[in-house]
Protein backbone atom coordinates (compact mmCIF):
# COMPACT_ATOMS: atom_id res chain seq x y z
CA MET A 1 105.14 77.57 103.47
CA GLN A 2 103.32 77.55 106.91
CA ALA A 3 106.50 79.01 108.69
CA THR A 4 106.80 81.63 106.02
CA MET A 5 103.19 82.56 106.38
CA GLU A 6 103.61 82.65 110.21
CA VAL A 7 106.53 84.81 109.65
CA THR A 8 104.66 87.22 107.43
CA ASN A 9 101.68 87.36 109.77
CA SER A 10 103.73 88.10 112.94
CA ARG A 11 105.27 91.11 111.07
CA ASP A 12 101.86 92.35 109.73
CA GLU A 13 100.74 92.17 113.45
CA ALA A 14 104.01 93.88 114.58
CA ALA A 15 102.96 96.66 112.27
CA ALA A 16 99.27 96.81 113.27
CA ARG A 17 100.69 97.31 116.89
CA ARG A 18 103.33 99.82 115.94
CA LEU A 19 100.92 101.81 113.77
CA SER A 20 97.93 101.51 116.89
CA HIS A 21 99.97 104.69 118.70
CA LYS A 22 99.32 107.08 115.69
CA LYS A 23 96.87 109.78 116.22
CA VAL A 24 95.83 113.06 114.34
CA SER A 25 98.24 114.98 116.97
CA ASP A 26 101.14 113.20 115.11
CA LEU A 27 100.46 115.24 112.11
CA THR A 28 100.98 118.63 114.01
CA ALA A 29 103.65 117.31 115.87
CA GLU A 30 106.06 119.82 113.70
CA LYS A 31 103.49 122.29 113.18
CA ARG A 32 104.25 126.09 114.33
CA ARG A 33 101.81 127.89 116.56
CA LEU A 34 98.52 129.01 114.79
CA VAL A 35 98.49 131.98 112.70
CA GLU A 36 95.48 133.92 113.24
CA VAL A 37 94.09 137.45 112.89
CA PRO A 38 91.78 139.61 115.01
CA TYR A 39 88.40 140.57 113.70
CA THR A 40 89.08 144.14 113.86
CA ALA A 41 92.03 143.32 111.54
CA SER A 42 91.70 145.24 107.87
CA LEU A 43 91.78 143.24 104.77
CA ALA A 44 95.19 144.54 103.66
CA HIS A 45 96.65 143.59 107.46
CA THR A 46 95.16 140.27 106.77
CA MET A 47 96.74 139.79 103.60
CA ASN A 48 100.24 141.09 105.20
CA ALA A 49 99.83 138.04 107.59
CA LEU A 50 99.21 135.33 104.73
CA VAL A 51 102.17 136.84 103.25
CA ALA A 52 104.53 136.76 105.91
CA ASN A 53 103.54 133.44 107.25
CA ARG A 54 103.09 131.86 103.82
CA VAL A 55 99.64 130.50 104.32
CA VAL A 56 96.75 130.64 102.64
CA ALA A 57 94.05 130.78 105.18
CA VAL A 58 93.92 132.20 108.77
CA PRO A 59 91.08 132.06 111.67
CA VAL A 60 89.40 134.98 112.76
CA ALA A 61 89.32 135.63 116.25
CA THR A 62 87.21 137.77 118.19
CA PRO A 63 86.47 138.22 122.22
CA PRO A 64 83.78 135.58 123.74
CA GLY A 65 80.10 136.02 123.64
CA HIS A 66 80.08 138.71 120.99
CA TRP A 67 79.67 136.62 117.75
CA ILE A 68 78.22 133.46 116.45
CA GLY A 69 80.84 131.30 114.85
CA ALA A 70 80.67 129.94 111.35
CA GLY A 71 78.22 127.03 111.13
CA GLY A 72 76.93 128.07 114.62
CA SER A 73 80.02 126.50 116.20
CA MET A 74 81.54 127.64 119.58
CA ILE A 75 85.52 127.09 119.03
CA LEU A 76 87.01 128.70 121.92
CA GLU A 77 90.90 129.43 123.42
CA SER A 78 90.73 129.43 126.89
CA ASP A 79 93.19 129.73 129.77
CA LYS A 80 95.01 126.12 130.66
CA GLN A 81 95.06 127.05 134.09
CA THR A 82 91.88 128.67 135.02
CA GLY A 83 89.55 127.47 131.96
CA ALA A 84 88.74 131.33 131.49
CA VAL A 85 87.51 131.77 127.70
CA ARG A 86 89.74 134.31 125.81
CA LYS A 87 89.08 133.96 122.28
CA HIS A 88 86.11 132.68 120.12
CA TYR A 89 87.00 131.91 116.58
CA ILE A 90 84.36 132.71 114.59
CA GLY A 91 85.66 131.51 110.75
CA MET A 92 88.31 131.05 108.38
CA VAL A 93 89.48 134.01 106.00
CA THR A 94 91.09 132.36 102.77
CA MET A 95 92.83 133.85 99.90
CA LEU A 96 89.80 133.38 97.78
CA ASP A 97 87.72 135.17 100.19
CA ILE A 98 89.99 138.27 99.69
CA LEU A 99 90.16 138.04 95.92
CA ALA A 100 86.21 137.86 95.79
CA HIS A 101 86.27 141.05 97.99
CA ILE A 102 88.70 142.73 95.60
CA ALA A 103 87.20 141.51 92.60
CA GLY A 104 83.81 143.41 93.12
CA ASP A 105 81.34 143.45 90.23
CA GLU A 106 81.86 147.33 90.05
CA ILE A 107 85.58 147.05 89.47
CA ASP A 108 86.40 146.92 85.84
CA GLY A 109 90.10 146.37 85.95
CA ALA A 110 91.11 149.54 84.60
CA GLY A 111 89.77 152.40 86.38
CA GLY A 112 87.97 150.68 89.14
CA VAL A 113 91.45 149.28 90.72
CA ASP A 114 91.43 152.92 92.05
CA GLU A 115 88.95 151.17 94.93
CA ILE A 116 91.24 148.76 96.00
CA ASP A 117 92.65 150.74 98.71
CA GLN A 118 88.87 151.18 100.12
CA ARG A 119 88.36 147.57 99.70
CA MET A 120 91.67 146.58 101.41
CA ALA A 121 90.89 148.74 104.49
CA VAL A 122 87.49 146.85 105.34
CA PRO A 123 87.38 144.75 108.74
CA VAL A 124 88.38 141.00 107.75
CA SER A 125 85.11 139.94 109.45
CA SER A 126 83.23 141.54 106.79
CA VAL A 127 84.40 139.40 104.20
CA ILE A 128 84.13 135.97 106.13
CA GLY A 129 81.93 133.51 103.80
CA HIS A 130 82.60 134.62 100.28
CA CYS A 131 83.53 131.04 99.74
CA LEU A 132 82.42 127.64 100.81
CA GLU A 133 85.08 126.70 103.09
CA SER A 134 84.76 129.73 105.11
CA LEU A 135 81.08 129.01 106.11
CA SER A 136 82.29 126.34 108.56
CA LEU A 137 84.77 125.77 111.06
CA TRP A 138 86.30 122.16 111.32
CA THR A 139 88.20 120.40 114.28
CA LEU A 140 89.84 116.97 114.47
CA ASN A 141 90.56 115.66 117.84
CA PRO A 142 94.07 115.09 118.59
CA ASN A 143 93.54 112.02 120.17
CA THR A 144 91.65 110.30 117.28
CA ARG A 145 93.44 107.51 116.49
CA GLN A 146 94.43 106.71 112.79
CA VAL A 147 92.26 103.59 111.39
CA PHE A 148 93.34 101.34 108.66
CA PHE A 149 91.80 97.81 107.05
CA TYR A 150 94.46 95.51 107.77
CA PRO A 151 93.41 91.79 106.40
CA LEU A 152 95.61 88.78 108.04
CA LEU A 153 96.90 86.30 105.44
CA ASN A 154 95.92 83.12 107.41
CA SER A 155 92.36 84.10 108.26
CA ASN A 156 89.07 85.98 107.39
CA ILE A 157 89.72 88.16 110.82
CA ALA A 158 90.47 91.79 109.83
CA VAL A 159 92.69 93.84 112.48
CA PHE A 160 92.18 97.64 112.43
CA SER A 161 95.55 99.29 112.78
CA SER A 162 96.13 102.83 112.77
CA PHE A 163 97.73 104.05 109.33
CA ILE A 164 95.22 106.58 107.89
CA ILE A 165 93.22 108.80 109.99
CA LEU A 166 89.86 108.10 108.62
CA ASN A 167 88.24 110.42 110.17
CA CYS A 168 90.62 113.13 109.12
CA MET A 169 90.48 111.83 105.56
CA GLU A 170 86.61 111.69 105.23
CA VAL A 171 86.78 115.63 106.15
CA PHE A 172 89.37 116.23 103.53
CA SER A 173 87.59 114.23 101.00
CA LYS A 174 84.93 116.50 100.76
CA GLY A 175 86.79 119.27 99.79
CA ILE A 176 87.70 120.75 103.02
CA HIS A 177 91.37 122.08 102.77
CA ARG A 178 92.26 122.36 106.51
CA ALA A 179 91.10 121.88 110.09
CA MET A 180 92.02 123.19 113.68
CA VAL A 181 93.36 120.66 116.12
CA PRO A 182 93.15 121.54 119.65
CA MET A 183 95.94 120.67 121.67
CA ASP A 184 94.70 119.94 125.10
CA SER A 185 91.09 118.71 124.09
CA GLN A 186 89.10 116.76 126.39
CA MET A 187 86.57 115.47 123.83
CA GLU A 188 87.85 111.42 122.98
CA SER A 189 86.81 111.22 119.23
CA ALA A 190 84.80 113.94 117.99
CA ALA A 191 85.88 115.28 114.40
CA GLY A 192 84.11 117.60 112.05
CA VAL A 193 81.68 120.38 112.88
CA GLU A 194 82.10 120.84 116.44
CA LEU A 195 79.22 122.70 118.26
CA VAL A 196 81.36 123.47 121.45
CA GLU A 197 84.95 122.97 121.54
CA SER A 198 87.70 124.51 123.89
CA ALA A 199 91.20 124.23 124.22
CA SER A 200 94.50 126.45 125.36
CA SER A 201 95.98 126.34 121.77
CA TYR A 202 95.40 124.97 118.50
CA ARG A 203 97.27 123.66 115.38
CA MET A 204 96.34 123.78 111.87
CA VAL A 205 96.00 120.16 110.06
CA THR A 206 96.15 120.49 106.35
CA GLN A 207 95.27 117.93 103.40
CA MET A 208 99.14 118.55 102.37
CA ASP A 209 100.06 117.29 106.02
CA LEU A 210 98.28 114.02 105.21
CA MET A 211 99.89 113.81 101.91
CA ARG A 212 103.31 113.93 103.32
CA PHE A 213 102.48 111.23 105.89
CA LEU A 214 101.07 109.25 103.34
CA LYS A 215 104.38 109.37 101.23
CA SER A 216 106.67 108.98 104.20
CA HIS A 217 104.94 105.74 105.33
CA ASP A 218 105.73 102.48 104.09
CA ASP A 219 103.01 99.79 104.41
CA SER A 220 102.45 96.84 101.88
CA GLU A 221 98.46 97.61 101.86
CA LEU A 222 99.12 101.43 100.73
CA ASN A 223 101.94 100.52 98.56
CA ALA A 224 99.10 98.48 96.89
CA ILE A 225 97.16 101.42 96.33
CA MET A 226 99.68 103.53 95.31
CA SER A 227 100.70 100.90 92.69
CA ARG A 228 97.34 101.54 90.71
CA THR A 229 96.85 104.24 88.08
CA VAL A 230 95.06 107.48 88.73
CA SER A 231 92.56 106.28 85.95
CA GLN A 232 91.67 102.97 87.84
CA LEU A 233 91.03 104.46 90.87
CA GLY A 234 88.87 107.08 89.78
CA ALA A 235 91.00 109.71 90.72
CA VAL A 236 90.77 111.87 87.45
CA LYS A 237 88.28 114.73 87.43
CA GLU A 238 87.78 114.99 83.59
CA THR A 239 85.41 118.18 83.74
CA ILE A 240 87.72 120.88 83.82
CA PHE A 241 87.19 124.68 83.19
CA GLY A 242 90.16 127.36 82.84
CA VAL A 243 90.72 130.78 81.12
CA THR A 244 93.06 131.55 78.06
CA ASP A 245 96.38 133.52 77.99
CA ARG A 246 94.43 136.59 77.26
CA THR A 247 92.22 136.67 80.13
CA LYS A 248 93.33 139.40 82.62
CA VAL A 249 93.77 138.93 86.04
CA ILE A 250 90.85 140.76 87.39
CA GLU A 251 88.51 138.72 84.88
CA ALA A 252 89.95 135.50 86.23
CA ILE A 253 89.39 136.31 89.84
CA LYS A 254 85.93 137.03 89.17
CA ALA A 255 85.31 133.97 87.17
CA MET A 256 87.29 131.67 90.01
CA ARG A 257 85.04 133.48 92.69
CA THR A 258 81.85 132.50 90.79
CA ALA A 259 82.74 129.20 90.43
CA SER A 260 84.44 128.87 93.76
CA LEU A 261 87.50 127.73 92.25
CA ASN A 262 90.91 128.29 94.20
CA ALA A 263 93.10 127.71 90.86
CA VAL A 264 92.38 127.27 87.16
CA PRO A 265 94.72 126.17 84.19
CA ILE A 266 95.79 128.70 81.57
CA LEU A 267 94.80 127.52 78.11
CA ARG A 268 96.21 128.58 74.84
CA SER A 269 94.00 130.90 73.25
CA SER A 270 92.28 129.81 69.79
CA SER A 271 93.32 131.69 66.64
CA SER A 272 90.42 130.15 64.58
CA ILE A 273 87.44 130.47 67.06
CA PRO A 274 85.96 133.27 68.80
CA GLU A 275 86.65 133.12 72.53
CA ASP A 276 85.03 135.16 75.60
CA HIS A 277 88.29 135.82 77.64
CA THR A 278 86.41 137.11 80.47
CA GLN A 279 84.70 133.84 81.22
CA LEU A 280 85.72 130.11 81.99
CA ILE A 281 85.91 127.96 79.00
CA ASN A 282 85.79 124.03 78.48
CA GLY A 283 89.80 123.27 79.02
CA ARG A 284 89.54 119.74 77.67
CA ALA A 285 91.84 118.66 74.97
CA ARG A 286 93.08 122.38 74.95
CA LYS A 287 97.00 123.22 75.23
CA LEU A 288 97.92 123.95 78.76
CA ILE A 289 100.61 126.53 79.36
CA GLY A 290 100.28 127.56 82.91
CA THR A 291 98.31 127.51 86.39
CA PHE A 292 96.69 130.67 87.89
CA SER A 293 95.81 130.27 91.59
CA ALA A 294 94.46 132.25 94.30
CA THR A 295 98.04 131.35 96.08
CA ASP A 296 99.63 133.38 93.23
CA LEU A 297 98.11 136.63 94.43
CA ARG A 298 99.73 136.17 98.02
CA GLU A 299 103.18 136.48 96.20
CA CYS A 300 102.03 139.94 95.23
CA PRO A 301 102.50 142.61 97.56
CA ILE A 302 99.51 144.97 97.77
CA ALA A 303 101.50 147.93 96.48
CA GLN A 304 101.98 146.15 93.19
CA LEU A 305 98.55 144.57 93.14
CA LYS A 306 96.66 147.42 91.57
CA SER A 307 99.10 147.81 88.54
CA ARG A 308 98.73 143.58 88.05
CA LEU A 309 94.99 143.36 87.91
CA PRO A 310 94.63 144.38 84.10
CA VAL A 311 97.48 142.27 82.87
CA SER A 312 97.01 138.83 81.35
CA VAL A 313 97.08 136.07 83.73
CA LEU A 314 99.90 134.74 81.72
CA GLU A 315 102.21 137.58 82.09
CA PHE A 316 101.18 137.74 85.76
CA THR A 317 102.37 134.39 86.59
CA GLU A 318 105.54 134.84 84.08
CA LYS A 319 106.46 138.00 86.36
CA LEU A 320 105.72 135.85 89.57
CA SER A 321 108.26 133.09 88.46
CA VAL A 322 111.60 135.24 87.80
CA SER A 323 113.23 135.57 91.26
CA PRO A 324 114.94 139.05 91.93
CA ALA A 325 118.26 137.36 91.21
CA GLU A 326 117.22 136.02 88.08
CA LEU A 327 115.64 139.41 87.12
CA ALA A 328 118.92 141.36 87.96
CA ALA A 329 120.96 138.80 86.11
CA ALA A 330 118.66 138.92 82.88
CA LEU A 331 119.15 143.05 83.06
CA ASP A 332 122.82 143.11 83.39
CA VAL A 333 123.34 141.03 80.22
CA GLY A 334 120.23 142.85 78.58
CA ALA A 335 118.26 139.85 78.05
CA ALA A 336 114.42 138.98 79.15
CA ALA A 337 114.19 137.00 82.29
CA THR A 338 112.94 133.44 81.54
CA PRO A 339 109.76 132.25 83.37
CA SER A 340 111.11 129.32 85.92
CA ARG A 341 107.43 128.25 86.69
CA GLU A 342 107.24 124.66 86.36
CA LEU A 343 104.18 122.76 85.09
CA VAL A 344 103.17 120.02 87.18
CA THR A 345 101.36 117.18 84.90
CA CYS A 346 100.99 113.38 84.74
CA ARG A 347 99.08 111.10 82.54
CA ALA A 348 95.89 109.17 83.24
CA ASP A 349 98.06 105.90 83.25
CA SER A 350 100.39 107.44 86.15
CA PHE A 351 100.62 105.52 89.10
CA LEU A 352 99.08 107.09 92.14
CA GLY A 353 102.43 107.01 93.89
CA GLU A 354 104.14 109.11 91.23
CA VAL A 355 101.38 111.74 91.68
CA VAL A 356 101.61 111.80 95.60
CA ASP A 357 105.32 112.29 95.26
CA LYS A 358 104.69 115.16 92.60
CA VAL A 359 102.38 116.84 94.99
CA VAL A 360 104.62 116.67 98.14
CA THR A 361 108.02 117.65 96.29
CA LYS A 362 106.54 120.24 94.41
CA HIS A 363 104.29 121.38 96.96
CA VAL A 364 101.08 122.01 94.78
CA HIS A 365 97.32 121.28 95.11
CA ARG A 366 96.77 120.00 91.91
CA VAL A 367 98.46 117.99 89.01
CA TRP A 368 97.01 118.50 85.55
CA VAL A 369 96.44 115.30 83.48
CA VAL A 370 97.44 115.58 79.71
CA ASP A 371 97.66 113.09 76.87
CA GLN A 372 100.43 112.14 74.69
CA LEU A 373 100.44 115.41 73.11
CA ASN A 374 100.29 117.17 75.84
CA LEU A 375 96.78 118.10 75.72
CA LEU A 376 94.69 118.75 79.13
CA VAL A 377 92.30 115.91 79.62
CA GLY A 378 91.81 116.39 83.36
CA LEU A 379 92.64 117.31 86.54
CA VAL A 380 93.79 115.14 90.11
CA SER A 381 93.23 117.34 93.50
CA LEU A 382 94.36 116.38 96.83
CA THR A 383 90.85 116.13 97.31
CA ASP A 384 90.58 113.28 94.84
CA ILE A 385 93.55 111.74 96.08
CA ILE A 386 92.52 111.41 99.50
CA ARG A 387 88.89 110.27 98.41
CA VAL A 388 89.97 107.26 96.36
CA ILE A 389 92.64 106.33 99.02
CA ARG A 390 90.08 106.51 101.53
CA LEU A 391 87.15 104.51 99.55
CA SER A 392 90.12 101.78 98.79
CA LEU A 393 91.02 101.27 102.70
CA LEU A 394 87.15 101.00 103.75
């Protein structure tokens, strides 16, 4: 028995030493160069950049010394050799910022859509801050080591190995979806909203990058957390609001802007009670039939956006679900194309590991929680997953 414990302890200590070399920069090893836009770029140019690079947010860069950064921060890009400052990042523009600007109160979804060309021509710097995440810039130092509480079996001493980036997790557990990582930072362990940060280049690390890391890492302590249900861990958010299948795209965008939501469930409209299809409704115990998110608008070319705003969210998402090949095949046989978008759901008693696997493999940022009748009972988001894992590790 003693020999078995010694072997186990030796393995645990070896794992701790192996993990101690992990840093935040390991999450960005395969990341491409930062996608950004200049402050003079039009909103149309910015949206084209989002579509071309398949991202949902980009930092905005200006010449140094002309702007105050989001939250008063000074995130600078400097020449690696001379140290001369070349750029100042003043904020992050997300797809929700763009939608909030498009869905101005004076646009009614019919005749008002003609104003979109004018709205998309404004400089991107004028729309920073329409959603909460754009109000601050977050950085994570690449040399910050990942910290994990690893208990030894034969003593009360705890060894800190480097599995999860607790600093990174703390930021992401508060609803921040992405942070900039300076590739040659001189700072040792800072994380959060930095007043001054200068580097010759940056990468972007996101909640999804952390999810991929968690999924790929085999560790006994993490596996124990992953084997608990989302309900047991408190990862299910039970208060959830959505739109009906009769809500127009323009109305959904306005409602999402007001509530600062990046996505909403599409619910089957009721035939027995009157409903206001222009507003968010309580989605609990309602039939879930789809998802409408800010990311969906990224898939819609600007040229088609005007004609899509007055349609229902269900029709909009169904059209996005049909690939050009599927549509051509359907037209060849004279049939309607079949929507291929999959609803990603789980149950309250689903294991966290199963939910993480769905998040990564399906590349979604939320999993709807349904009951045995497939009625909506809650939501598990990336923020919720990171929050409960972090709390379990502390």
